[in-house]
Amino acid sequence: MATTKITKEQWAESDGYLARLREENANFASAYGRPRYAHTETYGCQQNVNDTERIRGMLKRAGFEFTDDAEKADLVIYNTCAVRENAEQRVFGRLGILKHIKEQRPGMLVAVCGCMVQQEHITEKIKKVHDHVDLIFGTHALWRMPELLYRAIHENGVVVDITDSDGAIAEDVPILRDKDEKAWVSVMYGCNNFCTYCIVPYVRGRERSREPEDIMAEIRCLVKSGTTEISLLGQNVNSYGKDLGLDIDFADLLRMVNDIEGVRRIRFMTSHPKDLSDKLIYTIRDCDKVCKQLHLPLQSGSNKILKQMNRHYTREQYLEKIEKIKREIPGITLTTDIIVGFPTETTEDFYETLDILKAVRYDSIFSFIYSRRVGTPAAKLDFVLKDEEIHRNFDEMLEVQNQICKEKNLEYEGRVETVLVDGVSKTDKNLMTGRTDGGKIVNFRGTPDMQGKYIDILITHAKQWSLEGEIAK
């Protein structure tokens, strides 16, 4: 299926609603002596973060200002995740709290968007249980938010758009990012893999790649505004370009970005092991701006479980690729995703996963206990292990990986690493924080004016999840 774009005429109509909202917000500010405030909260992956940047971009153009306090907001938008049940329960909890706030402020508008509400049964639950919600829209309707918000303000009852489609790409949506020095840039949307545990293809649609010239134009614009680190984003970036009918794949795209003057660092995620090519490995090796860091989700180390997950690779094939990566790119930082407690997983299957963790020695892992998702094939399977057995395995895995993380970090002591400074540390307000080329968090004594700069740091102490250092002489 060919990728389609939102036409200029379609976006012009949506932009017209932004103009109406902007006029209304100007009148509001004149009448009440303050702007209308919006509050956004994001749950889930980096794609959701990138979507929220677009939501905030549209709201800014519509004349909204922003607040971190939901109780002071005239508009609250929750951008939601459907990958795990815990994320959904957090949103429902927040909606419950918001109901009491809205009773004190009847003019407040409440919107829920994103992957979670793309599932019809979730939307029906929100309409039934949380009738104070004014607007619900799914992943494919994001570019139509101005019209939907305008309707929510002027119509009685909840406005809903959870159009079930593979979606189209909207290139002209304004974006408001939190940081100037680094930026997420989506190169594609959706997923064609249909792993049996995963809801993503059902809520984000099939794979759709952006045109390379549109991506390059966005990055050049970012560079002009001071951005130096670009993170290319997609559910499976290794599939980039297959739907475009062009002789360009993701490795080619990386080289194109690498050639842009002003870009200093390039990151990307996520890669699917079955599609990781030798060409991409060599590209990471050869491109000086591409960070020597790779996130390669394993999910399970058992061939039986991998097959039942519909992952399309074996443990042997995965380890062969890891061996080649380490050989071609010595010192590369490796991270992965692990699911513990897939329904048919036995303790023997779990230990096969543990064996791979010990063999590969990842710098860090993102680990989760399996969460049943309605509508996925795995949701119909019965569990082999009891809940307490799954949690015991999970804790054992964390214990093993935590030790590996500490040992890997100890290797950095005494090194000088170039760090892109993000700002003040979240754990110690007296320290600045940043990341190395390999994505390691480094905390050090510095000054706020260093944010956005590249500073050489001598690593003096390795901690479990981060490094500490001092500015190199």
Protein backbone atom coordinates (compact mmCIF):
# COMPACT_ATOMS: atom_id res chain seq x y z
CA MET A 1 0.00 0.00 0.00
CA ALA A 2 1.42 3.39 -1.01
CA THR A 3 1.92 6.02 1.67
CA THR A 4 -0.43 9.01 1.40
CA LYS A 5 -0.07 12.57 2.64
CA ILE A 6 -2.55 14.98 4.09
CA THR A 7 -3.17 17.42 1.26
CA LYS A 8 -2.50 21.13 1.49
CA GLU A 9 -6.25 21.70 1.20
CA GLN A 10 -6.95 19.38 4.15
CA TRP A 11 -4.33 21.07 6.30
CA ALA A 12 -5.58 24.53 5.24
CA GLU A 13 -9.01 23.57 6.62
CA SER A 14 -7.44 22.41 9.88
CA ASP A 15 -5.33 25.56 10.03
CA GLY A 16 -8.54 27.55 9.63
CA TYR A 17 -9.80 26.09 12.90
CA LEU A 18 -6.52 27.13 14.54
CA ALA A 19 -7.25 30.69 13.40
CA ARG A 20 -10.75 30.54 14.94
CA LEU A 21 -9.33 29.20 18.20
CA ARG A 22 -6.65 31.89 18.21
CA GLU A 23 -9.30 34.61 17.85
CA GLU A 24 -11.38 33.11 20.66
CA ASN A 25 -8.34 32.85 22.92
CA ALA A 26 -7.45 36.47 22.23
CA ASN A 27 -10.99 37.48 23.26
CA PHE A 28 -10.68 35.30 26.38
CA ALA A 29 -7.40 36.99 27.35
CA SER A 30 -8.95 40.43 26.82
CA ALA A 31 -11.97 39.58 28.95
CA TYR A 32 -10.20 37.78 31.83
CA GLY A 33 -6.80 39.44 31.80
CA ARG A 34 -4.93 36.18 31.30
CA PRO A 35 -4.36 33.65 28.52
CA ARG A 36 -6.05 30.28 28.26
CA TYR A 37 -3.76 27.65 29.74
CA ALA A 38 -3.23 24.12 28.46
CA HIS A 39 -1.70 21.22 30.34
CA THR A 40 -0.40 18.12 28.54
CA GLU A 41 0.74 14.78 29.96
CA THR A 42 2.39 12.03 27.92
CA TYR A 43 2.39 8.32 28.64
CA GLY A 44 4.40 5.72 26.74
CA CYS A 45 7.11 5.73 24.11
CA GLN A 46 9.14 8.37 22.30
CA GLN A 47 6.61 8.37 19.46
CA ASN A 48 4.00 9.56 21.97
CA VAL A 49 6.43 12.26 23.14
CA ASN A 50 6.86 13.34 19.53
CA ASP A 51 3.08 13.38 19.04
CA THR A 52 2.67 15.58 22.12
CA GLU A 53 5.19 18.01 20.62
CA ARG A 54 2.83 18.32 17.66
CA ILE A 55 -0.18 18.76 19.92
CA ARG A 56 1.63 21.52 21.81
CA GLY A 57 2.70 23.10 18.53
CA MET A 58 -0.91 23.34 17.39
CA LEU A 59 -2.05 24.63 20.78
CA LYS A 60 0.66 27.31 20.76
CA ARG A 61 -0.44 28.45 17.30
CA ALA A 62 -4.03 28.52 18.59
CA GLY A 63 -3.05 31.01 21.28
CA PHE A 64 -2.78 28.75 24.32
CA GLU A 65 -0.07 29.17 26.94
CA PHE A 66 1.09 26.22 29.03
CA THR A 67 1.08 25.25 32.69
CA ASP A 68 2.54 22.30 34.56
CA ASP A 69 -0.37 22.39 37.01
CA ALA A 70 -3.52 20.60 35.79
CA GLU A 71 -5.61 22.40 38.42
CA LYS A 72 -4.85 25.76 36.79
CA ALA A 73 -5.44 24.59 33.21
CA ASP A 74 -8.39 25.50 31.00
CA LEU A 75 -7.56 22.50 28.79
CA VAL A 76 -6.03 19.21 29.94
CA ILE A 77 -4.86 16.67 27.35
CA TYR A 78 -3.64 13.18 28.21
CA ASN A 79 -1.71 11.53 25.37
CA THR A 80 -1.93 7.85 26.20
CA CYS A 81 -0.17 4.51 25.74
CA ALA A 82 -1.75 1.10 25.11
CA VAL A 83 1.32 -1.13 25.34
CA ARG A 84 0.91 -2.06 29.02
CA GLU A 85 -2.04 -2.17 31.38
CA ASN A 86 -0.21 -0.11 34.01
CA ALA A 87 -0.12 2.92 31.71
CA GLU A 88 -3.86 2.65 31.10
CA GLN A 89 -4.63 2.40 34.82
CA ARG A 90 -2.55 5.52 35.50
CA VAL A 91 -4.63 7.45 32.97
CA PHE A 92 -7.91 6.23 34.46
CA GLY A 93 -6.62 7.28 37.89
CA ARG A 94 -5.72 10.74 36.61
CA LEU A 95 -9.15 11.09 34.99
CA GLY A 96 -10.78 10.26 38.32
CA ILE A 97 -8.83 13.01 40.06
CA LEU A 98 -9.59 15.44 37.24
CA LYS A 99 -13.33 14.92 37.65
CA HIS A 100 -13.24 16.54 41.09
CA ILE A 101 -11.12 19.41 39.79
CA LYS A 102 -13.51 20.03 36.91
CA GLU A 103 -16.48 20.17 39.30
CA GLN A 104 -14.85 23.27 40.79
CA ARG A 105 -14.00 24.64 37.33
CA PRO A 106 -16.88 23.78 34.97
CA GLY A 107 -15.29 25.67 32.07
CA MET A 108 -12.34 23.28 31.98
CA LEU A 109 -12.00 21.03 28.93
CA VAL A 110 -10.63 17.47 29.24
CA ALA A 111 -9.23 15.53 26.28
CA VAL A 112 -7.80 12.02 25.99
CA CYS A 113 -5.90 11.02 22.87
CA GLY A 114 -3.35 8.53 21.57
CA CYS A 115 -2.95 4.78 21.38
CA MET A 116 -5.12 3.86 24.36
CA VAL A 117 -8.29 5.43 22.97
CA GLN A 118 -7.68 4.01 19.48
CA GLN A 119 -9.11 0.84 21.04
CA GLU A 120 -12.90 1.05 20.84
CA HIS A 121 -13.55 -0.77 24.12
CA ILE A 122 -11.39 1.76 25.98
CA THR A 123 -13.18 4.71 24.40
CA GLU A 124 -16.55 3.21 25.37
CA LYS A 125 -15.31 2.77 28.95
CA ILE A 126 -14.22 6.42 29.13
CA LYS A 127 -17.57 7.62 27.78
CA LYS A 128 -19.43 5.46 30.30
CA VAL A 129 -17.32 5.96 33.42
CA HIS A 130 -15.74 9.38 32.86
CA ASP A 131 -18.49 11.53 31.40
CA HIS A 132 -16.54 14.69 32.24
CA VAL A 133 -14.22 13.99 29.28
CA ASP A 134 -15.04 16.39 26.42
CA LEU A 135 -12.80 15.13 23.60
CA ILE A 136 -11.42 11.74 22.56
CA PHE A 137 -9.26 11.29 19.48
CA GLY A 138 -6.99 8.50 18.27
CA THR A 139 -3.58 8.36 16.68
CA HIS A 140 -4.84 8.84 13.11
CA ALA A 141 -6.81 11.99 13.94
CA LEU A 142 -3.99 13.95 15.57
CA TRP A 143 -3.66 16.43 12.68
CA ARG A 144 -7.42 17.11 12.96
CA MET A 145 -7.17 18.16 16.60
CA PRO A 146 -7.89 21.88 15.88
CA GLU A 147 -11.30 21.05 14.37
CA LEU A 148 -12.09 18.50 17.08
CA LEU A 149 -11.12 20.91 19.86
CA TYR A 150 -13.20 23.69 18.32
CA ARG A 151 -16.19 21.36 18.20
CA ALA A 152 -15.61 20.25 21.81
CA ILE A 153 -15.74 23.89 22.91
CA HIS A 154 -18.95 24.66 21.00
CA GLU A 155 -20.92 21.40 21.07
CA ASN A 156 -22.69 19.64 23.90
CA GLY A 157 -21.51 16.11 24.65
CA VAL A 158 -18.24 14.35 24.02
CA VAL A 159 -16.56 14.71 20.60
CA VAL A 160 -14.99 11.43 19.41
CA ASP A 161 -12.75 10.57 16.46
CA ILE A 162 -11.04 7.19 16.63
CA THR A 163 -11.03 6.62 12.88
CA ASP A 164 -9.69 3.13 12.20
CA SER A 165 -7.30 3.49 9.29
CA ASP A 166 -3.68 3.04 8.40
CA GLY A 167 -3.47 6.80 8.46
CA ALA A 168 -1.73 9.35 6.34
CA ILE A 169 1.27 11.56 6.98
CA ALA A 170 0.71 15.22 7.82
CA GLU A 171 3.85 17.25 7.09
CA ASP A 172 2.72 20.74 8.00
CA VAL A 173 1.75 20.23 11.66
CA PRO A 174 3.60 22.77 13.86
CA ILE A 175 5.90 21.32 16.54
CA LEU A 176 6.81 22.75 19.95
CA ARG A 177 9.82 20.97 21.46
CA ASP A 178 11.05 21.23 25.05
CA LYS A 179 14.75 21.45 24.19
CA ASP A 180 16.66 23.34 21.53
CA GLU A 181 19.84 21.26 21.50
CA LYS A 182 18.25 17.88 20.71
CA ALA A 183 15.16 16.72 18.85
CA TRP A 184 13.15 13.64 17.94
CA VAL A 185 12.42 13.41 14.23
CA SER A 186 9.91 10.79 13.09
CA VAL A 187 10.99 9.04 9.89
CA MET A 188 8.07 6.61 9.74
CA TYR A 189 4.89 5.59 11.54
CA GLY A 190 3.13 2.30 12.24
CA CYS A 191 4.31 -1.31 12.21
CA ASN A 192 3.81 -4.37 9.99
CA ASN A 193 5.27 -7.01 12.29
CA PHE A 194 2.24 -8.05 14.37
CA CYS A 195 4.14 -9.59 17.27
CA THR A 196 1.53 -11.64 19.09
CA TYR A 197 1.84 -9.69 22.37
CA CYS A 198 1.81 -6.20 20.82
CA ILE A 199 -1.08 -3.82 20.26
CA VAL A 200 0.93 -1.23 18.28
CA PRO A 201 -0.02 -2.29 14.70
CA TYR A 202 -3.69 -2.16 15.70
CA VAL A 203 -3.55 1.35 17.17
CA ARG A 204 -0.90 2.98 14.96
CA GLY A 205 -1.64 1.26 11.66
CA ARG A 206 0.68 -0.13 9.01
CA GLU A 207 4.14 1.20 8.22
CA ARG A 208 4.25 4.60 6.52
CA SER A 209 7.56 6.27 5.66
CA ARG A 210 8.10 9.99 5.30
CA GLU A 211 9.71 11.24 2.11
CA PRO A 212 13.47 11.70 2.61
CA GLU A 213 13.38 15.31 1.40
CA ASP A 214 10.75 16.14 4.05
CA ILE A 215 12.95 14.60 6.75
CA MET A 216 16.03 16.47 5.52
CA ALA A 217 14.10 19.75 5.40
CA GLU A 218 12.94 19.32 9.02
CA ILE A 219 16.47 18.52 10.21
CA ARG A 220 18.01 21.50 8.36
CA CYS A 221 15.41 23.75 9.97
CA LEU A 222 16.28 22.30 13.38
CA VAL A 223 19.98 22.90 12.81
CA LYS A 224 19.28 26.56 11.98
CA SER A 225 17.50 26.89 15.35
CA GLY A 226 20.50 25.45 17.23
CA THR A 227 19.76 21.71 17.38
CA THR A 228 22.86 19.51 17.14
CA GLU A 229 21.61 16.06 18.22
CA ILE A 230 18.98 14.35 16.06
CA SER A 231 17.18 11.16 17.11
CA LEU A 232 15.43 9.41 14.22
CA LEU A 233 12.27 7.69 15.33
CA GLY A 234 10.10 4.84 14.09
CA GLN A 235 8.46 1.67 15.39
CA ASN A 236 10.87 -0.28 13.16
CA VAL A 237 13.32 2.06 11.47
CA ASN A 238 14.94 -0.86 9.64
CA SER A 239 11.83 -1.04 7.45
CA TYR A 240 12.14 2.59 6.39
CA GLY A 241 11.48 3.28 2.72
CA LYS A 242 9.88 -0.02 1.72
CA ASP A 243 6.56 1.71 0.97
CA LEU A 244 8.02 4.67 -0.92
CA GLY A 245 9.03 2.97 -4.14
CA LEU A 246 12.45 4.62 -3.88
CA ASP A 247 15.86 2.97 -3.81
CA ILE A 248 16.53 4.34 -0.31
CA ASP A 249 16.66 2.34 2.91
CA PHE A 250 17.38 3.38 6.50
CA ALA A 251 21.15 3.03 6.11
CA ASP A 252 21.00 5.44 3.16
CA LEU A 253 18.90 7.85 5.22
CA LEU A 254 21.46 7.78 8.04
CA ARG A 255 24.22 8.73 5.58
CA MET A 256 22.09 11.60 4.25
CA VAL A 257 21.62 12.98 7.77
CA ASN A 258 25.31 12.42 8.50
CA ASP A 259 26.13 14.75 5.60
CA ILE A 260 24.08 17.67 6.98
CA GLU A 261 26.37 20.42 8.22
CA GLY A 262 25.62 21.40 11.80
CA VAL A 263 24.42 17.97 12.94
CA ARG A 264 26.86 16.62 15.53
CA ARG A 265 25.15 13.50 16.88
CA ILE A 266 22.64 11.09 15.35
CA ARG A 267 20.69 8.50 17.31
CA PHE A 268 17.81 6.26 16.27
CA MET A 269 15.29 3.77 17.55
CA THR A 270 13.92 1.18 17.31
CA SER A 271 15.54 -1.60 15.25
CA HIS A 272 13.94 -5.01 14.73
CA PRO A 273 16.56 -7.80 14.82
CA LYS A 274 15.08 -9.60 11.81
CA ASP A 275 15.64 -6.51 9.64
CA LEU A 276 19.04 -5.44 10.94
CA SER A 277 21.27 -5.61 7.86
CA ASP A 278 25.04 -5.78 7.48
CA LYS A 279 24.71 -2.54 5.50
CA LEU A 280 23.24 -0.78 8.54
CA ILE A 281 25.96 -2.15 10.84
CA TYR A 282 28.64 -0.83 8.47
CA THR A 283 26.85 2.52 8.25
CA ILE A 284 26.86 2.90 12.04
CA ARG A 285 30.54 1.98 11.99
CA ASP A 286 31.54 4.37 9.21
CA CYS A 287 29.42 7.48 9.88
CA ASP A 288 31.26 9.74 12.30
CA LYS A 289 28.13 11.45 13.60
CA VAL A 290 26.07 8.29 14.23
CA CYS A 291 26.35 7.49 17.93
CA LYS A 292 27.91 4.14 18.72
CA GLN A 293 24.81 2.96 20.51
CA LEU A 294 22.23 0.38 19.43
CA HIS A 295 18.93 -0.62 20.96
CA LEU A 296 18.10 -4.12 19.67
CA PRO A 297 15.05 -5.67 21.37
CA LEU A 298 15.49 -9.36 22.19
CA GLN A 299 12.17 -9.92 24.08
CA SER A 300 13.02 -13.57 24.83
CA GLY A 301 16.01 -15.89 24.59
CA SER A 302 13.90 -18.99 23.98
CA ASN A 303 13.36 -20.10 20.38
CA LYS A 304 10.01 -21.56 21.37
CA ILE A 305 8.82 -18.25 22.83
CA LEU A 306 10.30 -16.21 20.00
CA LYS A 307 8.30 -18.27 17.52
CA GLN A 308 5.11 -17.89 19.55
CA MET A 309 5.79 -14.15 19.76
CA ASN A 310 6.05 -14.07 15.93
CA ARG A 311 9.48 -12.42 16.10
CA HIS A 312 10.92 -14.11 12.96
CA TYR A 313 14.43 -14.79 14.30
CA THR A 314 16.11 -17.37 16.51
CA ARG A 315 18.38 -16.86 19.49
CA GLU A 316 21.26 -18.11 17.33
CA GLN A 317 20.54 -15.54 14.61
CA TYR A 318 20.26 -12.77 17.20
CA LEU A 319 23.57 -13.69 18.84
CA GLU A 320 25.25 -13.88 15.44
CA LYS A 321 24.20 -10.29 14.73
CA ILE A 322 25.40 -9.16 18.16
CA GLU A 323 28.77 -10.80 17.52
CA LYS A 324 29.12 -8.96 14.20
CA ILE A 325 28.09 -5.65 15.78
CA LYS A 326 30.70 -5.99 18.52
CA ARG A 327 33.37 -7.01 16.02
CA GLU A 328 32.68 -4.14 13.62
CA ILE A 329 32.00 -1.47 16.26
CA PRO A 330 34.19 -2.14 19.33
CA GLY A 331 32.91 -0.47 22.49
CA ILE A 332 29.38 0.06 21.20
CA THR A 333 26.72 0.56 23.87
CA LEU A 334 24.03 -2.14 23.61
CA THR A 335 20.56 -2.03 25.13
CA THR A 336 17.49 -4.24 24.71
CA ASP A 337 13.88 -4.98 25.68
CA ILE A 338 12.91 -8.11 27.62
CA ILE A 339 9.43 -9.48 28.35
CA VAL A 340 9.17 -11.83 31.33
CA GLY A 341 6.13 -14.05 31.81
CA PHE A 342 4.83 -14.46 28.26
CA PRO A 343 1.87 -16.86 28.75
CA THR A 344 3.60 -20.02 27.49
CA GLU A 345 6.98 -19.20 29.06
CA THR A 346 8.37 -21.82 31.43
CA THR A 347 11.17 -21.31 33.92
CA GLU A 348 13.46 -23.14 31.46
CA ASP A 349 12.52 -20.61 28.77
CA PHE A 350 13.26 -17.80 31.20
CA TYR A 351 16.75 -19.14 31.94
CA GLU A 352 17.48 -19.19 28.21
CA THR A 353 16.80 -15.45 28.25
CA LEU A 354 19.02 -15.04 31.29
CA ASP A 355 21.82 -16.88 29.48
CA ILE A 356 21.71 -14.32 26.65
CA LEU A 357 21.85 -11.42 29.09
CA LYS A 358 25.00 -12.95 30.58
CA ALA A 359 26.50 -13.62 27.14
CA VAL A 360 25.76 -10.23 25.54
CA ARG A 361 26.26 -8.11 28.69
CA TYR A 362 23.96 -5.24 27.77
CA ASP A 363 24.75 -1.81 29.17
CA SER A 364 21.12 -1.62 30.26
CA ILE A 365 17.78 -3.28 29.56
CA PHE A 366 14.15 -2.21 29.50
CA SER A 367 12.33 -5.10 31.15
CA PHE A 368 8.63 -5.69 31.59
CA ILE A 369 6.31 -8.35 32.92
CA TYR A 370 3.96 -9.45 30.13
CA SER A 371 0.74 -7.45 29.99
CA ARG A 372 -2.29 -9.01 28.30
CA ARG A 373 -3.64 -6.76 25.54
CA VAL A 374 -7.20 -7.25 24.31
CA GLY A 375 -7.26 -7.99 20.57
CA THR A 376 -3.78 -9.52 20.32
CA PRO A 377 -3.30 -13.26 19.63
CA ALA A 378 -1.32 -13.81 22.85
CA ALA A 379 -4.27 -12.56 24.91
CA LYS A 380 -6.02 -15.90 24.21
CA LEU A 381 -3.19 -18.01 25.66
CA ASP A 382 -3.21 -19.57 29.13
CA PHE A 383 -0.35 -18.94 31.54
CA VAL A 384 2.05 -21.76 32.38
CA LEU A 385 3.67 -20.06 35.37
CA LYS A 386 1.93 -18.66 38.42
CA ASP A 387 2.07 -14.94 39.08
CA GLU A 388 4.50 -15.33 41.98
CA GLU A 389 6.82 -17.45 39.80
CA ILE A 390 6.83 -14.79 37.09
CA HIS A 391 7.67 -12.07 39.59
CA ARG A 392 10.42 -14.21 41.12
CA ASN A 393 11.97 -14.70 37.67
CA PHE A 394 11.68 -11.00 36.97
CA ASP A 395 13.46 -10.11 40.22
CA GLU A 396 16.22 -12.62 39.47
CA MET A 397 16.74 -11.10 36.04
CA LEU A 398 17.01 -7.60 37.49
CA GLU A 399 19.57 -8.80 40.04
CA VAL A 400 21.74 -10.29 37.28
CA GLN A 401 21.40 -7.27 34.98
CA ASN A 402 22.03 -4.74 37.75
CA GLN A 403 25.39 -6.37 38.44
CA ILE A 404 26.25 -6.30 34.73
CA CYS A 405 25.26 -2.61 34.52
CA LYS A 406 27.54 -1.73 37.43
CA GLU A 407 30.45 -3.70 35.97
CA LYS A 408 29.97 -2.07 32.55
CA ASN A 409 29.89 1.38 34.13
CA LEU A 410 33.06 0.69 36.12
CA GLU A 411 34.89 0.40 32.80
CA TYR A 412 34.34 4.15 32.31
CA GLU A 413 36.20 5.27 35.41
CA GLY A 414 39.28 7.26 34.41
CA ARG A 415 38.02 7.94 30.87
CA VAL A 416 37.30 11.34 29.39
CA GLU A 417 33.88 11.37 27.70
CA THR A 418 32.30 14.15 25.64
CA VAL A 419 28.89 14.93 27.12
CA LEU A 420 26.00 16.90 25.60
CA VAL A 421 24.67 18.80 28.63
CA ASP A 422 20.90 18.41 29.12
CA GLY A 423 20.49 20.67 32.14
CA VAL A 424 20.22 20.26 35.89
CA SER A 425 20.28 16.70 37.26
CA LYS A 426 16.89 15.31 38.36
CA THR A 427 18.51 13.51 41.30
CA ASP A 428 20.75 16.34 42.59
CA LYS A 429 19.88 19.96 41.84
CA ASN A 430 23.48 20.95 42.56
CA LEU A 431 24.72 18.95 39.57
CA MET A 432 24.42 19.26 35.81
CA THR A 433 23.64 16.20 33.70
CA GLY A 434 24.21 15.02 30.16
CA ARG A 435 24.83 11.99 27.98
CA THR A 436 27.85 10.45 26.33
CA ASP A 437 27.97 9.37 22.69
CA GLY A 438 26.86 5.92 23.90
CA GLY A 439 23.92 7.35 25.84
CA LYS A 440 25.37 7.00 29.35
CA ILE A 441 24.04 9.52 31.89
CA VAL A 442 26.81 11.63 33.45
CA ASN A 443 26.34 13.98 36.43
CA PHE A 444 28.95 16.63 37.23
CA ARG A 445 29.42 20.02 38.85
CA GLY A 446 28.86 22.74 36.31
CA THR A 447 26.79 25.83 35.57
CA PRO A 448 23.36 26.23 33.90
CA ASP A 449 24.90 28.13 30.96
CA MET A 450 26.50 24.84 29.89
CA GLN A 451 23.14 23.43 28.75
CA GLY A 452 23.26 22.54 25.08
CA LYS A 453 27.05 22.50 24.98
CA TYR A 454 29.45 19.59 24.51
CA ILE A 455 31.76 19.32 27.53
CA ASP A 456 34.65 16.89 28.11
CA ILE A 457 34.11 15.12 31.44
CA LEU A 458 36.61 12.96 33.35
CA ILE A 459 34.62 10.04 34.76
CA THR A 460 35.52 9.67 38.44
CA HIS A 461 32.86 7.33 39.83
CA ALA A 462 30.55 4.66 38.40
CA LYS A 463 27.10 4.18 39.93
CA GLN A 464 24.42 1.61 39.17
CA TRP A 465 22.54 3.64 36.54
CA SER A 466 24.80 6.61 35.89
CA LEU A 467 28.32 8.01 35.97
CA GLU A 468 29.79 10.89 37.95
CA GLY A 469 32.64 13.08 36.83
CA GLU A 470 34.33 16.44 36.73
CA ILE A 471 35.13 18.84 33.93
CA ALA A 472 38.33 17.65 32.29
CA LYS A 473 41.35 19.92 32.67
